[in-house]
């Protein structure tokens, strides 16, 4: 699945993360502990557990769910949202002439990210460059299959959302984030 079949009109389905996963820990540490003055055992407003537990949240594995989706649907591309965030990871899989528009209001960003942003006084664009912001994996597929993909994810206890669409562009790798 190299993304070569991704075309304008396809949609992006974002699968929820369980937190930071494996990226952004240096920035999170600086923002929360150096700049924000928090302690690992603190439970800041908006969180339901300590910062230690929040930061050590187990990374969601998409392996079994991803395999099941590949067997059922025509998945044209997959991007794991790790270091480099949305732009760095999605742009690599897009074919020439295809870009994406992502609507960041289509999912609820987990509270830990808002806390990091506020404590570190970090610009929104930088947050989406460094962190997954609640979306750990992005699948590319047809508009027609999207509702069924969402249902399959929900049935596997993995919230998922249609977060954007593919558009025709000149060049390669254009990722536009639209903020509410």
Protein backbone atom coordinates (compact mmCIF):
# COMPACT_ATOMS: atom_id res chain seq x y z
CA UNK A 1 0.00 0.00 0.00
CA UNK A 2 2.15 2.82 -1.32
CA UNK A 3 -0.51 5.52 -1.78
CA UNK A 4 -0.17 5.55 -5.57
CA UNK A 5 -3.94 4.95 -6.00
CA UNK A 6 -4.98 7.87 -3.77
CA UNK A 7 -7.03 10.29 -5.87
CA UNK A 8 -8.95 13.55 -5.53
CA UNK A 9 -12.34 12.80 -3.96
CA UNK A 10 -11.00 10.12 -1.60
CA UNK A 11 -11.43 10.73 2.12
CA UNK A 12 -9.14 10.46 5.12
CA UNK A 13 -10.36 8.34 8.01
CA UNK A 14 -8.52 9.10 11.24
CA UNK A 15 -8.25 6.41 13.90
CA UNK A 16 -8.02 7.67 17.46
CA UNK A 17 -4.80 7.54 19.42
CA UNK A 18 -4.57 6.74 23.13
CA UNK A 19 -2.39 9.75 23.88
CA UNK A 20 1.06 10.87 22.81
CA UNK A 21 2.02 7.41 21.53
CA UNK A 22 5.72 7.68 20.75
CA UNK A 23 6.24 11.26 19.67
CA UNK A 24 6.76 14.65 21.24
CA UNK A 25 7.99 13.62 24.67
CA UNK A 26 10.87 16.12 24.77
CA UNK A 27 8.52 19.01 24.03
CA UNK A 28 5.87 17.65 26.40
CA UNK A 29 8.41 17.35 29.22
CA UNK A 30 9.70 20.88 28.68
CA UNK A 31 6.17 22.34 28.46
CA UNK A 32 4.64 20.47 31.39
CA UNK A 33 7.48 20.26 33.89
CA UNK A 34 9.92 23.07 33.09
CA UNK A 35 7.52 25.75 31.88
CA UNK A 36 4.26 24.61 33.47
CA UNK A 37 5.73 23.61 36.82
CA UNK A 38 3.72 20.40 37.03
CA UNK A 39 4.76 17.29 38.93
CA UNK A 40 4.35 13.74 37.62
CA UNK A 41 1.73 12.96 40.26
CA UNK A 42 -0.36 16.08 39.54
CA UNK A 43 -3.83 15.61 38.05
CA UNK A 44 -4.37 18.90 36.19
CA UNK A 45 -7.84 20.14 35.37
CA UNK A 46 -9.26 18.28 32.38
CA UNK A 47 -7.37 15.05 33.09
CA UNK A 48 -8.76 12.07 34.98
CA UNK A 49 -5.41 10.59 35.98
CA UNK A 50 -1.94 11.74 36.96
CA UNK A 51 0.45 13.15 34.39
CA UNK A 52 2.63 10.08 34.95
CA UNK A 53 -0.23 7.76 33.97
CA UNK A 54 -1.29 10.01 31.09
CA UNK A 55 2.21 10.17 29.63
CA UNK A 56 2.76 6.42 30.03
CA UNK A 57 -0.55 5.51 28.36
CA UNK A 58 -0.08 2.36 26.30
CA UNK A 59 0.32 3.04 22.58
CA UNK A 60 -2.67 1.73 20.63
CA UNK A 61 -1.69 -1.03 18.23
CA UNK A 62 -3.50 -0.78 14.92
CA UNK A 63 -2.15 -4.09 13.59
CA UNK A 64 -5.13 -6.41 13.98
CA UNK A 65 -7.70 -3.75 13.14
CA UNK A 66 -5.66 -2.57 10.16
CA UNK A 67 -5.37 -6.10 8.81
CA UNK A 68 -9.12 -6.66 9.14
CA UNK A 69 -9.85 -3.36 7.37
CA UNK A 70 -7.44 -4.23 4.55
CA UNK A 71 -9.27 -7.52 4.03
CA UNK A 72 -12.70 -5.86 3.92
CA UNK A 73 -12.16 -2.52 2.21
CA UNK A 74 -10.19 -0.88 -0.58
CA UNK A 75 -7.68 1.04 1.57
CA UNK A 76 -5.56 3.10 -0.83
CA UNK A 77 -3.07 4.49 1.66
CA UNK A 78 -2.06 4.43 5.31
CA UNK A 79 -0.13 7.06 7.28
CA UNK A 80 0.97 6.52 10.88
CA UNK A 81 0.98 9.88 12.65
CA UNK A 82 4.27 9.87 14.55
CA UNK A 83 7.12 12.40 14.75
CA UNK A 84 6.52 14.94 12.01
CA UNK A 85 2.80 15.04 12.77
CA UNK A 86 0.19 15.27 10.05
CA UNK A 87 2.15 17.14 7.41
CA UNK A 88 5.36 15.15 7.70
CA UNK A 89 3.70 11.75 7.59
CA UNK A 90 0.80 12.27 5.20
CA UNK A 91 2.80 14.17 2.58
CA UNK A 92 5.08 11.15 2.06
CA UNK A 93 2.26 8.92 0.84
CA UNK A 94 0.51 11.33 -1.53
CA UNK A 95 0.99 10.84 -5.26
CA UNK A 96 1.82 13.70 -7.62
CA UNK A 97 -1.15 16.04 -8.12
CA UNK A 98 -2.99 15.05 -4.93
CA UNK A 99 -3.15 17.05 -1.71
CA UNK A 100 -5.32 16.86 1.37
CA UNK A 101 -7.44 19.20 3.41
CA UNK A 102 -7.85 18.16 7.04
CA UNK A 103 -10.60 19.65 9.20
CA UNK A 104 -9.21 19.63 12.74
CA UNK A 105 -12.70 20.18 14.18
CA UNK A 106 -13.82 16.68 13.10
CA UNK A 107 -12.48 15.00 16.28
CA UNK A 108 -12.07 15.89 19.93
CA UNK A 109 -8.43 16.55 20.78
CA UNK A 110 -7.56 14.79 24.08
CA UNK A 111 -7.03 17.08 27.06
CA UNK A 112 -3.33 16.20 27.45
CA UNK A 113 -2.55 18.02 24.20
CA UNK A 114 -4.40 21.17 25.26
CA UNK A 115 -2.56 21.09 28.57
CA UNK A 116 0.83 20.78 26.85
CA UNK A 117 -0.04 23.61 24.46
CA UNK A 118 -1.15 25.93 27.24
CA UNK A 119 1.70 25.12 29.63
CA UNK A 120 4.34 25.54 26.94
CA UNK A 121 2.66 28.43 25.11
CA UNK A 122 2.99 26.42 21.89
CA UNK A 123 1.46 27.58 18.61
CA UNK A 124 -1.34 25.40 17.23
CA UNK A 125 0.51 24.70 13.97
CA UNK A 126 3.52 23.45 15.96
CA UNK A 127 1.30 21.14 18.03
CA UNK A 128 0.03 19.46 14.83
CA UNK A 129 3.60 19.23 13.51
CA UNK A 130 4.94 17.48 16.62
CA UNK A 131 2.01 15.54 18.07
CA UNK A 132 -0.71 13.22 16.76
CA UNK A 133 -3.36 15.40 18.45
CA UNK A 134 -5.60 12.38 19.02
CA UNK A 135 -5.27 10.73 15.59
CA UNK A 136 -2.73 7.91 15.49
CA UNK A 137 -3.38 6.45 12.05
CA UNK A 138 -4.92 7.82 8.85
CA UNK A 139 -6.50 5.60 6.19
CA UNK A 140 -7.28 6.75 2.65
CA UNK A 141 -10.33 5.37 0.90
CA UNK A 142 -13.50 6.11 -1.01
CA UNK A 143 -16.31 8.27 0.29
CA UNK A 144 -18.70 5.35 -0.25
CA UNK A 145 -16.76 2.98 2.01
CA UNK A 146 -16.07 5.52 4.78
CA UNK A 147 -19.26 4.88 6.84
CA UNK A 148 -18.59 1.13 6.89
CA UNK A 149 -14.94 1.69 7.84
CA UNK A 150 -16.09 3.90 10.73
CA UNK A 151 -18.53 1.22 11.88
CA UNK A 152 -15.83 -1.46 11.74
CA UNK A 153 -13.49 0.68 13.83
CA UNK A 154 -16.22 1.40 16.37
CA UNK A 155 -16.93 -2.34 16.60
CA UNK A 156 -13.25 -2.88 17.45
CA UNK A 157 -13.34 -0.21 20.19
CA UNK A 158 -11.29 2.26 18.15
CA UNK A 159 -13.04 5.58 17.56
CA UNK A 160 -12.59 6.83 14.00
CA UNK A 161 -13.62 9.94 12.10
CA UNK A 162 -13.68 11.25 8.55
CA UNK A 163 -11.13 14.01 9.05
CA UNK A 164 -10.51 15.27 5.55
CA UNK A 165 -10.56 14.87 1.82
CA UNK A 166 -8.15 14.52 -1.06
CA UNK A 167 -8.02 17.34 -3.56
CA UNK A 168 -6.34 18.00 -6.90
CA UNK A 169 -3.18 20.08 -6.58
CA UNK A 170 -0.17 20.99 -8.61
CA UNK A 171 2.90 19.33 -7.18
CA UNK A 172 3.19 16.70 -4.48
CA UNK A 173 2.52 16.41 -0.78
CA UNK A 174 0.31 19.41 0.03
CA UNK A 175 -1.30 18.99 3.46
CA UNK A 176 -3.57 21.82 4.55
CA UNK A 177 -4.85 21.86 8.12
CA UNK A 178 -8.03 23.85 8.70
CA UNK A 179 -8.53 25.02 12.26
CA UNK A 180 -11.94 25.83 13.75
